[in-house]
Amino acid sequence: VKEKCELWIEDKENLSYTEVKQFINCKTSEALHKYFSQAGSNIENLAQSGHTSEPRDKENQTDDTEQSASLSQELQSLRASIDNLSSELNKCQQKLKDQETKNKTLEETSTKMLYATQDVDKRLNKLKEEVRNELQATFMSQCQTFSTEFKEIKEVHEKKMEDWSSEIIDLRNTISTFYQKQDGLVAEQENFKSKPRDKMLIQEDLGLYC
């Protein structure tokens, strides 16, 4: 019993606290039953020997004395064994109580650690959610800013393209007008060359004014 209890305390026996306690109670009952049965049998034999009506001689009386002494010694040995067993049982029970206290303390510590872990998990999840929301808000803000800037750049670019297109149209119109005037001058020059007499008359008329 002592060995099994010590092994259980050292976690070398795969038994629960209830199973160990039941084992101790069973073994204690068996031992007490055995010892008291043996003691009762010896006492009964002694009582029968002491109350017999047959005459006893000195040799029989000597045997009874020796038997009584032996029985007394056995009773003393039984008491010593019972005392020793009781002491061992008390030690085992104390160890069991200590172990039960340790288990209770360990269970309380485990519960506290579990609550602490759950609290840490909640805080981490909350922090993750806050960071996620903050990042999302920052990203959306940056996207909005980029979209606004891109829109402004696009508007400026489109305005420049419109201005360039207008300038190109004006330039084309100017060039077209220039070519038209050039064609007119060329035509006038050709007409002037084809009328030399008229030219001379004009020169004479001009000479009168000189």
Protein backbone atom coordinates (compact mmCIF):
# COMPACT_ATOMS: atom_id res chain seq x y z
CA VAL A 1 0.00 0.00 0.00
CA LYS A 2 2.78 2.39 0.96
CA GLU A 3 4.74 1.62 -2.19
CA LYS A 4 1.70 2.07 -4.44
CA CYS A 5 0.79 5.37 -2.78
CA GLU A 6 4.34 6.67 -3.10
CA LEU A 7 4.39 5.68 -6.77
CA TRP A 8 1.09 7.50 -7.30
CA ILE A 9 2.40 10.63 -5.57
CA GLU A 10 5.46 10.52 -7.85
CA ASP A 11 3.10 10.27 -10.88
CA LYS A 12 4.32 6.76 -11.67
CA GLU A 13 0.87 5.21 -11.19
CA ASN A 14 -1.86 6.06 -13.68
CA LEU A 15 -4.69 6.24 -11.12
CA SER A 16 -7.10 8.94 -10.08
CA TYR A 17 -7.34 10.30 -6.54
CA THR A 18 -10.64 8.47 -5.98
CA GLU A 19 -9.16 5.15 -7.17
CA VAL A 20 -6.15 5.48 -4.85
CA LYS A 21 -8.37 6.33 -1.89
CA GLN A 22 -10.60 3.34 -2.62
CA PHE A 23 -7.53 1.11 -2.93
CA ILE A 24 -6.26 2.24 0.50
CA ASN A 25 -9.65 1.64 2.13
CA CYS A 26 -9.93 -1.86 0.62
CA LYS A 27 -6.42 -2.87 1.67
CA THR A 28 -6.96 -1.46 5.16
CA SER A 29 -10.20 -3.41 5.55
CA GLU A 30 -8.52 -6.62 4.33
CA ALA A 31 -5.59 -6.21 6.72
CA LEU A 32 -7.77 -5.43 9.74
CA HIS A 33 -10.10 -8.32 8.92
CA LYS A 34 -7.14 -10.69 8.63
CA TYR A 35 -5.49 -9.55 11.85
CA PHE A 36 -8.69 -9.55 13.90
CA SER A 37 -9.72 -12.95 12.51
CA GLN A 38 -6.37 -14.39 13.52
CA ALA A 39 -6.51 -12.75 16.93
CA GLY A 40 -10.09 -13.90 17.51
CA SER A 41 -9.20 -17.47 16.58
CA ASN A 42 -6.27 -17.52 19.01
CA ILE A 43 -8.33 -15.96 21.78
CA GLU A 44 -11.11 -18.48 21.22
CA ASN A 45 -8.64 -21.37 21.43
CA LEU A 46 -7.22 -19.93 24.61
CA ALA A 47 -10.67 -19.50 26.12
CA GLN A 48 -11.65 -23.06 25.28
CA SER A 49 -8.45 -24.32 26.85
CA GLY A 50 -9.05 -22.29 30.00
CA HIS A 51 -12.67 -23.44 30.52
CA THR A 52 -12.22 -27.15 29.86
CA SER A 53 -13.41 -29.45 32.64
CA GLU A 54 -10.79 -32.09 32.00
CA PRO A 55 -8.09 -32.40 34.65
CA ARG A 56 -4.79 -30.96 33.58
CA ASP A 57 -1.40 -32.11 34.55
CA LYS A 58 1.64 -29.90 34.90
CA GLU A 59 2.75 -30.59 31.33
CA ASN A 60 -0.58 -29.41 29.95
CA GLN A 61 -0.48 -26.36 32.18
CA THR A 62 3.00 -25.60 30.86
CA ASP A 63 1.71 -25.89 27.30
CA ASP A 64 -1.15 -23.56 28.12
CA THR A 65 1.27 -21.06 29.63
CA GLU A 66 3.50 -21.21 26.58
CA GLN A 67 0.47 -20.94 24.30
CA SER A 68 -0.77 -17.96 26.29
CA ALA A 69 2.63 -16.32 26.08
CA SER A 70 2.76 -17.01 22.34
CA LEU A 71 -0.73 -15.59 21.92
CA SER A 72 0.22 -12.53 23.94
CA GLN A 73 3.27 -12.07 21.76
CA GLU A 74 1.15 -12.43 18.63
CA LEU A 75 -1.31 -9.89 19.99
CA GLN A 76 1.53 -7.48 20.69
CA SER A 77 2.89 -8.09 17.20
CA LEU A 78 -0.60 -7.57 15.78
CA ARG A 79 -1.00 -4.32 17.71
CA ALA A 80 2.42 -3.19 16.51
CA SER A 81 1.51 -4.08 12.93
CA ILE A 82 -1.81 -2.28 13.24
CA ASP A 83 -0.10 0.75 14.76
CA ASN A 84 2.52 0.68 12.01
CA LEU A 85 -0.16 0.30 9.36
CA SER A 86 -2.19 3.11 10.90
CA SER A 87 0.88 5.31 10.92
CA GLU A 88 1.61 4.50 7.29
CA LEU A 89 -2.02 5.08 6.39
CA ASN A 90 -1.98 8.43 8.16
CA LYS A 91 1.14 9.36 6.25
CA CYS A 92 -0.45 8.28 2.98
CA GLN A 93 -3.63 10.15 3.81
CA GLN A 94 -1.61 13.24 4.66
CA LYS A 95 0.29 12.90 1.39
CA LEU A 96 -3.00 12.47 -0.41
CA LYS A 97 -4.35 15.60 1.25
CA ASP A 98 -1.18 17.48 0.34
CA GLN A 99 -1.45 16.20 -3.21
CA GLU A 100 -5.11 17.16 -3.30
CA THR A 101 -4.18 20.65 -2.10
CA LYS A 102 -1.48 20.86 -4.77
CA ASN A 103 -3.94 19.69 -7.40
CA LYS A 104 -6.47 22.27 -6.25
CA THR A 105 -3.82 24.99 -6.30
CA LEU A 106 -2.68 23.83 -9.73
CA GLU A 107 -6.27 23.81 -10.96
CA GLU A 108 -6.83 27.33 -9.64
CA THR A 109 -3.58 28.48 -11.24
CA SER A 110 -4.56 26.82 -14.52
CA THR A 111 -7.96 28.51 -14.38
CA LYS A 112 -6.35 31.88 -13.74
CA MET A 113 -3.90 31.28 -16.59
CA LEU A 114 -6.79 30.28 -18.84
CA TYR A 115 -8.68 33.47 -17.99
CA ALA A 116 -5.50 35.50 -18.47
CA THR A 117 -4.88 33.84 -21.84
CA GLN A 118 -8.46 34.49 -22.93
CA ASP A 119 -8.12 38.12 -21.83
CA VAL A 120 -4.86 38.47 -23.79
CA ASP A 121 -6.52 36.89 -26.83
CA LYS A 122 -9.42 39.34 -26.58
CA ARG A 123 -7.04 42.28 -26.32
CA LEU A 124 -4.99 41.03 -29.27
CA ASN A 125 -8.11 40.54 -31.37
CA LYS A 126 -9.30 44.02 -30.44
CA LEU A 127 -5.89 45.47 -31.29
CA LYS A 128 -5.86 43.61 -34.61
CA GLU A 129 -9.32 44.96 -35.41
CA GLU A 130 -8.26 48.51 -34.52
CA VAL A 131 -5.09 48.22 -36.62
CA ARG A 132 -7.07 46.71 -39.51
CA ASN A 133 -9.64 49.51 -39.35
CA GLU A 134 -6.93 52.15 -39.11
CA LEU A 135 -5.03 50.69 -42.06
CA GLN A 136 -8.22 50.43 -44.06
CA ALA A 137 -9.14 54.04 -43.26
CA THR A 138 -5.62 55.19 -44.17
CA PHE A 139 -5.69 53.20 -47.39
CA MET A 140 -9.10 54.57 -48.36
CA SER A 141 -7.93 58.11 -47.54
CA GLN A 142 -4.82 57.65 -49.67
CA CYS A 143 -6.92 56.20 -52.49
CA GLN A 144 -9.28 59.16 -52.28
CA THR A 145 -6.35 61.59 -52.30
CA PHE A 146 -4.76 59.80 -55.25
CA SER A 147 -8.08 59.77 -57.10
CA THR A 148 -8.54 63.51 -56.51
CA GLU A 149 -4.98 64.29 -57.62
CA PHE A 150 -5.35 62.07 -60.67
CA LYS A 151 -8.63 63.78 -61.55
CA GLU A 152 -7.02 67.21 -61.23
CA ILE A 153 -4.06 66.13 -63.37
CA LYS A 154 -6.44 64.69 -65.95
CA GLU A 155 -8.45 67.91 -66.04
CA VAL A 156 -5.28 69.98 -66.47
CA HIS A 157 -4.08 67.64 -69.21
CA GLU A 158 -7.43 67.79 -71.00
CA LYS A 159 -7.39 71.62 -70.72
CA LYS A 160 -3.91 71.73 -72.24
CA MET A 161 -4.98 69.38 -75.02
CA GLU A 162 -7.96 71.63 -75.73
CA ASP A 163 -5.70 74.70 -75.79
CA TRP A 164 -3.21 72.98 -78.08
CA SER A 165 -6.02 71.82 -80.34
CA SER A 166 -7.38 75.38 -80.51
CA GLU A 167 -3.92 76.77 -81.25
CA ILE A 168 -3.38 74.18 -83.96
CA ILE A 169 -6.74 75.07 -85.54
CA ASP A 170 -5.85 78.79 -85.40
CA LEU A 171 -2.47 78.05 -86.92
CA ARG A 172 -4.04 76.03 -89.70
CA ASN A 173 -6.49 78.85 -90.38
CA THR A 174 -3.62 81.38 -90.45
CA ILE A 175 -1.64 79.21 -92.84
CA SER A 176 -4.72 78.73 -95.01
CA THR A 177 -5.32 82.49 -95.06
CA PHE A 178 -1.68 83.09 -95.86
CA TYR A 179 -1.83 80.69 -98.80
CA GLN A 180 -5.01 82.31 -100.00
CA LYS A 181 -3.41 85.77 -99.91
CA GLN A 182 -0.32 84.41 -101.58
CA ASP A 183 -2.42 82.91 -104.36
CA GLY A 184 -4.20 86.25 -104.76
CA LEU A 185 -0.93 88.15 -105.02
CA VAL A 186 0.42 85.68 -107.54
CA ALA A 187 -2.74 86.05 -109.60
CA GLU A 188 -2.50 89.84 -109.50
CA GLN A 189 1.14 89.67 -110.49
CA GLU A 190 0.29 87.48 -113.47
CA ASN A 191 -2.43 89.86 -114.51
CA PHE A 192 -0.07 92.78 -114.19
CA LYS A 193 2.53 91.11 -116.41
CA SER A 194 -0.06 90.37 -119.08
CA LYS A 195 -0.93 94.13 -119.44
CA PRO A 196 2.35 96.06 -120.15
CA ARG A 197 0.65 98.99 -121.89
CA ASP A 198 -1.57 99.60 -119.00
CA LYS A 199 1.50 99.52 -116.89
CA MET A 200 3.17 102.20 -118.98
CA LEU A 201 0.12 104.42 -118.88
CA ILE A 202 0.00 104.06 -115.16
CA GLN A 203 3.68 105.02 -114.98
CA GLU A 204 3.06 108.08 -117.15
CA ASP A 205 0.16 109.07 -115.02
CA LEU A 206 2.31 108.67 -112.01
CA GLY A 207 4.99 110.83 -113.68
CA LEU A 208 2.57 113.70 -114.05
CA TYR A 209 2.24 113.86 -110.33
CA CYS A 210 5.98 114.06 -109.83
